[in-house]
Amino acid sequence: MAPARFREQHLAHFGRHRLASETVQERARSIGQTLENLTQYLNLVGFIALLLGGVRVASGMQTYTKHKLSTVAIVRCLGAQTQQNFAVYIIQAGCLSVIGVVVGAFLGIVIQAILPHIMLYFLPVRIYFFVAWEGIVRGIAIGLGIALLFALLPLLSVRTV
């Protein structure tokens, strides 16, 4: 018998005994919605973590440039142009950002490789490890862009020396 027809025939019995019924399709739709909500939540958490990292980059660059203003002034007196000074510090920020995002991506891959072995004892299903290179490249690009974007504002003080 079809589940929907069975439920219709026994709906009065279910209500009398305070029973609930759910078909496989309804359960699958419910689980799908729950997973969609979880995905949106994790995306939001990741975005907030990215913004907090960007604020930390800006704070670090602000402190660094504050200590280097006398060096920038000396180099300017020796004949360096404003664009050259600015380019030096942007290159430094870019190199540090590249190192940071590559190390972060590597640690993410290592954790993703180790996690299935740890979760093997806690979950009733087996989790398989694979590397999503497209996601890693996208993460590196976004991380590098955010780091450079948040490093630019503190570096503007170098241009006014």
N, C-alpha and C. Protein backbone atom coordinates (compact mmCIF):
# COMPACT_ATOMS: atom_id res chain seq x y z
N MET A 1 0.86 -1.18 0.00
CA MET A 1 0.00 0.00 0.00
C MET A 1 0.90 1.24 0.00
N ALA A 2 0.46 2.24 -0.69
CA ALA A 2 1.20 3.49 -0.73
C ALA A 2 1.15 4.17 0.64
N PRO A 3 2.25 4.76 1.09
CA PRO A 3 2.28 5.37 2.42
C PRO A 3 1.26 6.50 2.59
N ALA A 4 1.07 7.30 1.55
CA ALA A 4 0.12 8.42 1.66
C ALA A 4 -1.31 7.88 1.82
N ARG A 5 -1.64 6.83 1.11
CA ARG A 5 -2.98 6.25 1.21
C ARG A 5 -3.19 5.60 2.59
N PHE A 6 -2.16 4.93 3.09
CA PHE A 6 -2.24 4.32 4.41
C PHE A 6 -2.48 5.38 5.48
N ARG A 7 -1.79 6.49 5.36
CA ARG A 7 -1.94 7.57 6.34
C ARG A 7 -3.36 8.15 6.28
N GLU A 8 -3.88 8.35 5.07
CA GLU A 8 -5.24 8.89 4.94
C GLU A 8 -6.26 7.96 5.56
N GLN A 9 -6.10 6.67 5.37
CA GLN A 9 -7.05 5.70 5.91
C GLN A 9 -7.01 5.63 7.43
N HIS A 10 -5.85 5.85 8.02
CA HIS A 10 -5.68 5.70 9.46
C HIS A 10 -5.47 7.02 10.20
N LEU A 11 -5.80 8.12 9.57
CA LEU A 11 -5.59 9.44 10.16
C LEU A 11 -6.40 9.62 11.44
N ALA A 12 -7.63 9.16 11.46
CA ALA A 12 -8.47 9.27 12.65
C ALA A 12 -7.87 8.45 13.80
N HIS A 13 -7.38 7.27 13.50
CA HIS A 13 -6.75 6.42 14.51
C HIS A 13 -5.49 7.09 15.08
N PHE A 14 -4.71 7.70 14.20
CA PHE A 14 -3.49 8.38 14.64
C PHE A 14 -3.84 9.53 15.58
N GLY A 15 -4.85 10.31 15.22
CA GLY A 15 -5.25 11.45 16.05
C GLY A 15 -5.80 11.02 17.40
N ARG A 16 -6.56 9.96 17.42
CA ARG A 16 -7.15 9.46 18.65
C ARG A 16 -6.06 9.01 19.64
N HIS A 17 -5.02 8.42 19.14
CA HIS A 17 -3.96 7.89 20.00
C HIS A 17 -2.73 8.81 20.07
N ARG A 18 -2.92 10.03 19.55
CA ARG A 18 -1.86 11.04 19.56
C ARG A 18 -0.57 10.52 18.90
N LEU A 19 -0.73 9.95 17.76
CA LEU A 19 0.39 9.45 16.98
C LEU A 19 0.64 10.38 15.81
N ALA A 20 1.87 10.44 15.39
CA ALA A 20 2.23 11.24 14.23
C ALA A 20 2.78 10.30 13.16
N SER A 21 2.63 10.71 11.93
CA SER A 21 3.17 9.91 10.84
C SER A 21 3.96 10.81 9.92
N GLU A 22 4.92 10.18 9.27
CA GLU A 22 5.77 10.93 8.36
C GLU A 22 6.26 9.96 7.28
N THR A 23 6.19 10.41 6.05
CA THR A 23 6.65 9.55 4.95
C THR A 23 8.15 9.76 4.75
N VAL A 24 8.73 8.89 3.97
CA VAL A 24 10.15 8.99 3.68
C VAL A 24 10.46 10.29 2.95
N GLN A 25 9.60 10.68 2.03
CA GLN A 25 9.81 11.92 1.29
C GLN A 25 9.77 13.14 2.22
N GLU A 26 8.83 13.14 3.16
CA GLU A 26 8.75 14.25 4.11
C GLU A 26 9.99 14.30 4.99
N ARG A 27 10.45 13.13 5.43
CA ARG A 27 11.65 13.07 6.28
C ARG A 27 12.87 13.54 5.49
N ALA A 28 12.99 13.12 4.24
CA ALA A 28 14.11 13.54 3.41
C ALA A 28 14.09 15.05 3.19
N ARG A 29 12.91 15.61 2.96
CA ARG A 29 12.78 17.05 2.78
C ARG A 29 13.17 17.79 4.06
N SER A 30 12.76 17.25 5.21
CA SER A 30 13.09 17.85 6.50
C SER A 30 14.60 17.82 6.76
N ILE A 31 15.22 16.69 6.48
CA ILE A 31 16.67 16.57 6.67
C ILE A 31 17.40 17.49 5.71
N GLY A 32 16.92 17.58 4.48
CA GLY A 32 17.53 18.49 3.50
C GLY A 32 17.46 19.93 3.97
N GLN A 33 16.33 20.34 4.53
CA GLN A 33 16.19 21.71 5.03
C GLN A 33 17.11 21.95 6.22
N THR A 34 17.24 20.95 7.09
CA THR A 34 18.13 21.08 8.24
C THR A 34 19.58 21.23 7.78
N LEU A 35 19.99 20.44 6.81
CA LEU A 35 21.35 20.54 6.29
C LEU A 35 21.59 21.87 5.59
N GLU A 36 20.58 22.38 4.91
CA GLU A 36 20.69 23.70 4.26
C GLU A 36 20.88 24.79 5.32
N ASN A 37 20.12 24.71 6.41
CA ASN A 37 20.27 25.68 7.50
C ASN A 37 21.66 25.59 8.12
N LEU A 38 22.17 24.38 8.31
CA LEU A 38 23.50 24.19 8.86
C LEU A 38 24.56 24.76 7.93
N THR A 39 24.39 24.57 6.65
CA THR A 39 25.34 25.12 5.66
C THR A 39 25.36 26.64 5.72
N GLN A 40 24.19 27.25 5.79
CA GLN A 40 24.12 28.71 5.88
C GLN A 40 24.77 29.22 7.16
N TYR A 41 24.54 28.52 8.27
CA TYR A 41 25.14 28.91 9.54
C TYR A 41 26.66 28.81 9.47
N LEU A 42 27.18 27.72 8.93
CA LEU A 42 28.63 27.56 8.84
C LEU A 42 29.25 28.58 7.88
N ASN A 43 28.54 28.94 6.82
CA ASN A 43 29.02 30.00 5.93
C ASN A 43 29.11 31.32 6.67
N LEU A 44 28.12 31.62 7.50
CA LEU A 44 28.12 32.85 8.27
C LEU A 44 29.27 32.85 9.28
N VAL A 45 29.50 31.73 9.95
CA VAL A 45 30.61 31.63 10.90
C VAL A 45 31.94 31.82 10.18
N GLY A 46 32.09 31.22 9.02
CA GLY A 46 33.32 31.39 8.25
C GLY A 46 33.54 32.83 7.81
N PHE A 47 32.46 33.50 7.40
CA PHE A 47 32.57 34.89 6.99
C PHE A 47 32.98 35.78 8.16
N ILE A 48 32.40 35.55 9.33
CA ILE A 48 32.75 36.33 10.51
C ILE A 48 34.21 36.09 10.90
N ALA A 49 34.65 34.84 10.82
CA ALA A 49 36.05 34.53 11.11
C ALA A 49 36.98 35.23 10.12
N LEU A 50 36.58 35.29 8.86
CA LEU A 50 37.38 35.97 7.84
C LEU A 50 37.47 37.47 8.14
N LEU A 51 36.36 38.07 8.53
CA LEU A 51 36.38 39.50 8.86
C LEU A 51 37.23 39.77 10.10
N LEU A 52 37.13 38.90 11.11
CA LEU A 52 37.96 39.09 12.30
C LEU A 52 39.44 38.94 11.97
N GLY A 53 39.77 38.03 11.08
CA GLY A 53 41.15 37.90 10.63
C GLY A 53 41.61 39.15 9.89
N GLY A 54 40.73 39.72 9.09
CA GLY A 54 41.07 40.95 8.38
C GLY A 54 41.31 42.11 9.32
N VAL A 55 40.50 42.20 10.37
CA VAL A 55 40.69 43.26 11.37
C VAL A 55 42.04 43.06 12.07
N ARG A 56 42.40 41.81 12.33
CA ARG A 56 43.69 41.52 12.96
C ARG A 56 44.84 41.89 12.03
N VAL A 57 44.71 41.65 10.75
CA VAL A 57 45.73 42.06 9.78
C VAL A 57 45.88 43.58 9.78
N ALA A 58 44.77 44.29 9.77
CA ALA A 58 44.81 45.75 9.79
C ALA A 58 45.48 46.27 11.06
N SER A 59 45.17 45.65 12.18
CA SER A 59 45.77 46.06 13.44
C SER A 59 47.28 45.82 13.43
N GLY A 60 47.69 44.67 12.94
CA GLY A 60 49.12 44.37 12.85
C GLY A 60 49.85 45.32 11.92
N MET A 61 49.25 45.62 10.78
CA MET A 61 49.88 46.54 9.83
C MET A 61 49.94 47.96 10.39
N GLN A 62 48.93 48.34 11.15
CA GLN A 62 48.93 49.67 11.77
C GLN A 62 50.10 49.80 12.74
N THR A 63 50.31 48.79 13.56
CA THR A 63 51.42 48.80 14.51
C THR A 63 52.75 48.78 13.78
N TYR A 64 52.86 47.97 12.75
CA TYR A 64 54.10 47.85 11.98
C TYR A 64 54.45 49.17 11.30
N THR A 65 53.47 49.78 10.64
CA THR A 65 53.76 51.03 9.94
C THR A 65 54.06 52.16 10.91
N LYS A 66 53.46 52.14 12.08
CA LYS A 66 53.73 53.18 13.08
C LYS A 66 55.20 53.13 13.50
N HIS A 67 55.75 51.92 13.63
CA HIS A 67 57.15 51.78 14.02
C HIS A 67 58.10 52.06 12.85
N LYS A 68 57.63 51.98 11.64
CA LYS A 68 58.48 52.16 10.46
C LYS A 68 58.39 53.56 9.84
N LEU A 69 57.63 54.46 10.44
CA LEU A 69 57.48 55.80 9.85
C LEU A 69 58.81 56.55 9.81
N SER A 70 59.64 56.38 10.83
CA SER A 70 60.94 57.07 10.80
C SER A 70 61.83 56.50 9.69
N THR A 71 61.76 55.20 9.46
CA THR A 71 62.52 54.58 8.37
C THR A 71 62.02 55.10 7.03
N VAL A 72 60.71 55.22 6.88
CA VAL A 72 60.13 55.74 5.65
C VAL A 72 60.58 57.18 5.42
N ALA A 73 60.64 57.99 6.49
CA ALA A 73 61.06 59.38 6.37
C ALA A 73 62.52 59.47 5.94
N ILE A 74 63.37 58.60 6.49
CA ILE A 74 64.79 58.61 6.11
C ILE A 74 64.95 58.22 4.64
N VAL A 75 64.24 57.19 4.22
CA VAL A 75 64.33 56.75 2.83
C VAL A 75 63.81 57.83 1.89
N ARG A 76 62.78 58.54 2.30
CA ARG A 76 62.25 59.65 1.50
C ARG A 76 63.27 60.77 1.37
N CYS A 77 63.98 61.05 2.47
CA CYS A 77 65.02 62.09 2.42
C CYS A 77 66.18 61.70 1.52
N LEU A 78 66.40 60.41 1.38
CA LEU A 78 67.47 59.92 0.51
C LEU A 78 67.06 59.88 -0.96
N GLY A 79 65.80 60.20 -1.26
CA GLY A 79 65.38 60.34 -2.64
C GLY A 79 64.35 59.34 -3.14
N ALA A 80 63.87 58.48 -2.30
CA ALA A 80 62.85 57.52 -2.74
C ALA A 80 61.51 58.24 -2.94
N GLN A 81 60.79 57.79 -3.93
CA GLN A 81 59.49 58.38 -4.19
C GLN A 81 58.42 57.75 -3.30
N THR A 82 57.30 58.45 -3.17
CA THR A 82 56.20 57.95 -2.34
C THR A 82 55.71 56.61 -2.85
N GLN A 83 55.59 56.46 -4.16
CA GLN A 83 55.10 55.20 -4.73
C GLN A 83 56.05 54.05 -4.44
N GLN A 84 57.35 54.33 -4.43
CA GLN A 84 58.32 53.28 -4.14
C GLN A 84 58.20 52.79 -2.70
N ASN A 85 58.10 53.73 -1.77
CA ASN A 85 57.91 53.36 -0.35
C ASN A 85 56.63 52.54 -0.18
N PHE A 86 55.57 53.04 -0.79
CA PHE A 86 54.28 52.36 -0.66
C PHE A 86 54.37 50.96 -1.27
N ALA A 87 55.02 50.84 -2.41
CA ALA A 87 55.15 49.54 -3.08
C ALA A 87 55.94 48.55 -2.23
N VAL A 88 56.98 49.02 -1.55
CA VAL A 88 57.78 48.14 -0.70
C VAL A 88 56.91 47.53 0.40
N TYR A 89 56.11 48.34 1.04
CA TYR A 89 55.29 47.84 2.13
C TYR A 89 54.12 47.00 1.64
N ILE A 90 53.59 47.31 0.48
CA ILE A 90 52.54 46.47 -0.10
C ILE A 90 53.11 45.10 -0.46
N ILE A 91 54.33 45.08 -1.02
CA ILE A 91 54.96 43.80 -1.35
C ILE A 91 55.21 42.98 -0.08
N GLN A 92 55.66 43.64 0.98
CA GLN A 92 55.86 42.94 2.25
C GLN A 92 54.54 42.35 2.76
N ALA A 93 53.49 43.15 2.73
CA ALA A 93 52.18 42.67 3.18
C ALA A 93 51.71 41.53 2.30
N GLY A 94 51.95 41.64 0.99
CA GLY A 94 51.55 40.57 0.07
C GLY A 94 52.29 39.27 0.33
N CYS A 95 53.60 39.37 0.56
CA CYS A 95 54.39 38.16 0.83
C CYS A 95 53.95 37.49 2.13
N LEU A 96 53.74 38.29 3.17
CA LEU A 96 53.26 37.72 4.43
C LEU A 96 51.87 37.12 4.28
N SER A 97 51.03 37.76 3.47
CA SER A 97 49.69 37.23 3.24
C SER A 97 49.74 35.90 2.49
N VAL A 98 50.60 35.81 1.49
CA VAL A 98 50.74 34.56 0.74
C VAL A 98 51.20 33.45 1.66
N ILE A 99 52.20 33.74 2.49
CA ILE A 99 52.68 32.72 3.44
C ILE A 99 51.55 32.30 4.37
N GLY A 100 50.80 33.27 4.89
CA GLY A 100 49.71 32.96 5.81
C GLY A 100 48.61 32.11 5.19
N VAL A 101 48.18 32.45 3.97
CA VAL A 101 47.09 31.69 3.37
C VAL A 101 47.55 30.31 2.92
N VAL A 102 48.80 30.18 2.49
CA VAL A 102 49.29 28.86 2.09
C VAL A 102 49.44 27.95 3.31
N VAL A 103 49.97 28.50 4.40
CA VAL A 103 50.07 27.71 5.64
C VAL A 103 48.68 27.33 6.14
N GLY A 104 47.74 28.27 6.07
CA GLY A 104 46.37 27.97 6.48
C GLY A 104 45.73 26.89 5.63
N ALA A 105 45.94 26.95 4.33
CA ALA A 105 45.39 25.92 3.44
C ALA A 105 46.03 24.56 3.72
N PHE A 106 47.33 24.55 3.95
CA PHE A 106 48.03 23.30 4.26
C PHE A 106 47.51 22.70 5.57
N LEU A 107 47.34 23.54 6.60
CA LEU A 107 46.80 23.04 7.87
C LEU A 107 45.37 22.52 7.70
N GLY A 108 44.59 23.18 6.85
CA GLY A 108 43.24 22.71 6.58
C GLY A 108 43.23 21.34 5.93
N ILE A 109 44.14 21.12 4.99
CA ILE A 109 44.24 19.80 4.34
C ILE A 109 44.67 18.74 5.33
N VAL A 110 45.65 19.07 6.19
CA VAL A 110 46.14 18.11 7.18
C VAL A 110 45.03 17.74 8.17
N ILE A 111 44.30 18.73 8.64
CA ILE A 111 43.20 18.46 9.58
C ILE A 111 42.12 17.64 8.90
N GLN A 112 41.82 17.96 7.65
CA GLN A 112 40.81 17.20 6.92
C GLN A 112 41.26 15.76 6.69
N ALA A 113 42.55 15.54 6.56
CA ALA A 113 43.06 14.17 6.37
C ALA A 113 43.03 13.38 7.68
N ILE A 114 43.25 14.05 8.81
CA ILE A 114 43.30 13.37 10.10
C ILE A 114 41.90 13.13 10.66
N LEU A 115 40.99 14.05 10.42
CA LEU A 115 39.66 13.98 11.02
C LEU A 115 38.89 12.70 10.74
N PRO A 116 38.90 12.13 9.53
CA PRO A 116 38.17 10.87 9.32
C PRO A 116 38.67 9.72 10.20
N HIS A 117 39.97 9.69 10.47
CA HIS A 117 40.51 8.63 11.32
C HIS A 117 40.07 8.80 12.77
N ILE A 118 39.94 10.03 13.21
CA ILE A 118 39.47 10.29 14.58
C ILE A 118 37.98 10.01 14.69
N MET A 119 37.21 10.43 13.71
CA MET A 119 35.75 10.28 13.76
C MET A 119 35.31 8.85 13.50
N LEU A 120 36.21 7.99 13.07
CA LEU A 120 35.90 6.60 12.79
C LEU A 120 35.30 5.91 14.00
N TYR A 121 35.74 6.28 15.19
CA TYR A 121 35.27 5.65 16.42
C TYR A 121 33.98 6.28 16.97
N PHE A 122 33.59 7.44 16.44
CA PHE A 122 32.43 8.15 16.97
C PHE A 122 31.21 8.10 16.07
N LEU A 123 31.41 7.87 14.78
CA LEU A 123 30.30 7.89 13.82
C LEU A 123 30.02 6.49 13.30
N PRO A 124 28.76 6.19 13.02
CA PRO A 124 28.43 4.86 12.50
C PRO A 124 28.71 4.71 11.00
N VAL A 125 29.12 5.80 10.34
CA VAL A 125 29.41 5.75 8.92
C VAL A 125 30.87 6.09 8.70
N ARG A 126 31.40 5.68 7.57
CA ARG A 126 32.80 5.96 7.25
C ARG A 126 32.87 7.27 6.46
N ILE A 127 33.80 8.11 6.83
CA ILE A 127 34.02 9.39 6.15
C ILE A 127 35.27 9.24 5.29
N TYR A 128 35.18 9.64 4.03
CA TYR A 128 36.30 9.51 3.11
C TYR A 128 36.97 10.87 2.92
N PHE A 129 38.27 10.85 2.79
CA PHE A 129 39.08 12.05 2.60
C PHE A 129 39.30 12.31 1.11
N PHE A 130 39.07 13.53 0.71
CA PHE A 130 39.44 13.96 -0.64
C PHE A 130 39.73 15.45 -0.58
N VAL A 131 40.55 15.92 -1.47
CA VAL A 131 40.94 17.32 -1.51
C VAL A 131 40.16 18.01 -2.61
N ALA A 132 39.44 19.06 -2.25
CA ALA A 132 38.69 19.87 -3.21
C ALA A 132 39.58 21.04 -3.63
N TRP A 133 40.34 20.83 -4.69
CA TRP A 133 41.32 21.83 -5.11
C TRP A 133 40.67 23.15 -5.48
N GLU A 134 39.49 23.09 -6.07
CA GLU A 134 38.80 24.33 -6.44
C GLU A 134 38.49 25.17 -5.18
N GLY A 135 38.05 24.50 -4.13
CA GLY A 135 37.77 25.20 -2.88
C GLY A 135 39.03 25.76 -2.23
N ILE A 136 40.12 25.02 -2.33
CA ILE A 136 41.38 25.49 -1.76
C ILE A 136 41.88 26.72 -2.51
N VAL A 137 41.83 26.68 -3.82
CA VAL A 137 42.26 27.83 -4.62
C VAL A 137 41.37 29.03 -4.34
N ARG A 138 40.07 28.81 -4.24
CA ARG A 138 39.13 29.90 -3.94
C ARG A 138 39.42 30.47 -2.55
N GLY A 139 39.67 29.61 -1.58
CA GLY A 139 39.98 30.07 -0.23
C GLY A 139 41.28 30.86 -0.17
N ILE A 140 42.29 30.40 -0.90
CA ILE A 140 43.56 31.14 -0.94
C ILE A 140 43.36 32.51 -1.58
N ALA A 141 42.61 32.56 -2.67
CA ALA A 141 42.36 33.84 -3.34
C ALA A 141 41.58 34.81 -2.45
N ILE A 142 40.54 34.31 -1.79
CA ILE A 142 39.75 35.18 -0.92
C ILE A 142 40.58 35.63 0.27
N GLY A 143 41.34 34.72 0.88
CA GLY A 143 42.18 35.08 2.01
C GLY A 143 43.22 36.12 1.65
N LEU A 144 43.85 35.94 0.49
CA LEU A 144 44.85 36.89 0.03
C LEU A 144 44.22 38.26 -0.26
N GLY A 145 43.07 38.24 -0.89
CA GLY A 145 42.38 39.50 -1.19
C GLY A 145 41.97 40.24 0.07
N ILE A 146 41.40 39.53 1.03
CA ILE A 146 40.98 40.17 2.28
C ILE A 146 42.19 40.70 3.04
N ALA A 147 43.28 39.93 3.10
CA ALA A 147 44.48 40.37 3.82
C ALA A 147 45.04 41.64 3.19
N LEU A 148 45.13 41.68 1.88
CA LEU A 148 45.65 42.88 1.21
C LEU A 148 44.69 44.06 1.35
N LEU A 149 43.42 43.79 1.27
CA LEU A 149 42.43 44.87 1.41
C LEU A 149 42.50 45.50 2.79
N PHE A 150 42.59 44.68 3.83
CA PHE A 150 42.65 45.21 5.18
C PHE A 150 44.03 45.79 5.51
N ALA A 151 45.07 45.44 4.75
CA ALA A 151 46.40 46.00 4.97
C ALA A 151 46.55 47.36 4.29
N LEU A 152 45.71 47.66 3.32
CA LEU A 152 45.84 48.91 2.56
C LEU A 152 45.57 50.15 3.41
N LEU A 153 44.56 50.12 4.23
CA LEU A 153 44.20 51.32 5.00
C LEU A 153 45.33 51.76 5.93
N PRO A 154 45.92 50.88 6.71
CA PRO A 154 47.06 51.33 7.55
C PRO A 154 48.26 51.77 6.71
N LEU A 155 48.44 51.23 5.53
CA LEU A 155 49.58 51.60 4.70
C LEU A 155 49.42 52.95 4.03
N LEU A 156 48.23 53.51 4.07
CA LEU A 156 48.05 54.84 3.48
C LEU A 156 48.83 55.90 4.24
N SER A 157 49.13 55.64 5.51
CA SER A 157 49.92 56.60 6.27
C SER A 157 51.35 56.71 5.76
N VAL A 158 51.84 55.67 5.08
CA VAL A 158 53.18 55.69 4.50
C VAL A 158 53.25 56.72 3.38
N ARG A 159 52.16 56.92 2.68
CA ARG A 159 52.13 57.85 1.53
C ARG A 159 52.23 59.30 1.97
N THR A 160 51.86 59.60 3.20
CA THR A 160 51.85 61.00 3.64
C THR A 160 53.15 61.43 4.33
N VAL A 161 54.13 60.53 4.41
CA VAL A 161 55.40 60.87 5.07
C VAL A 161 56.26 61.68 4.13
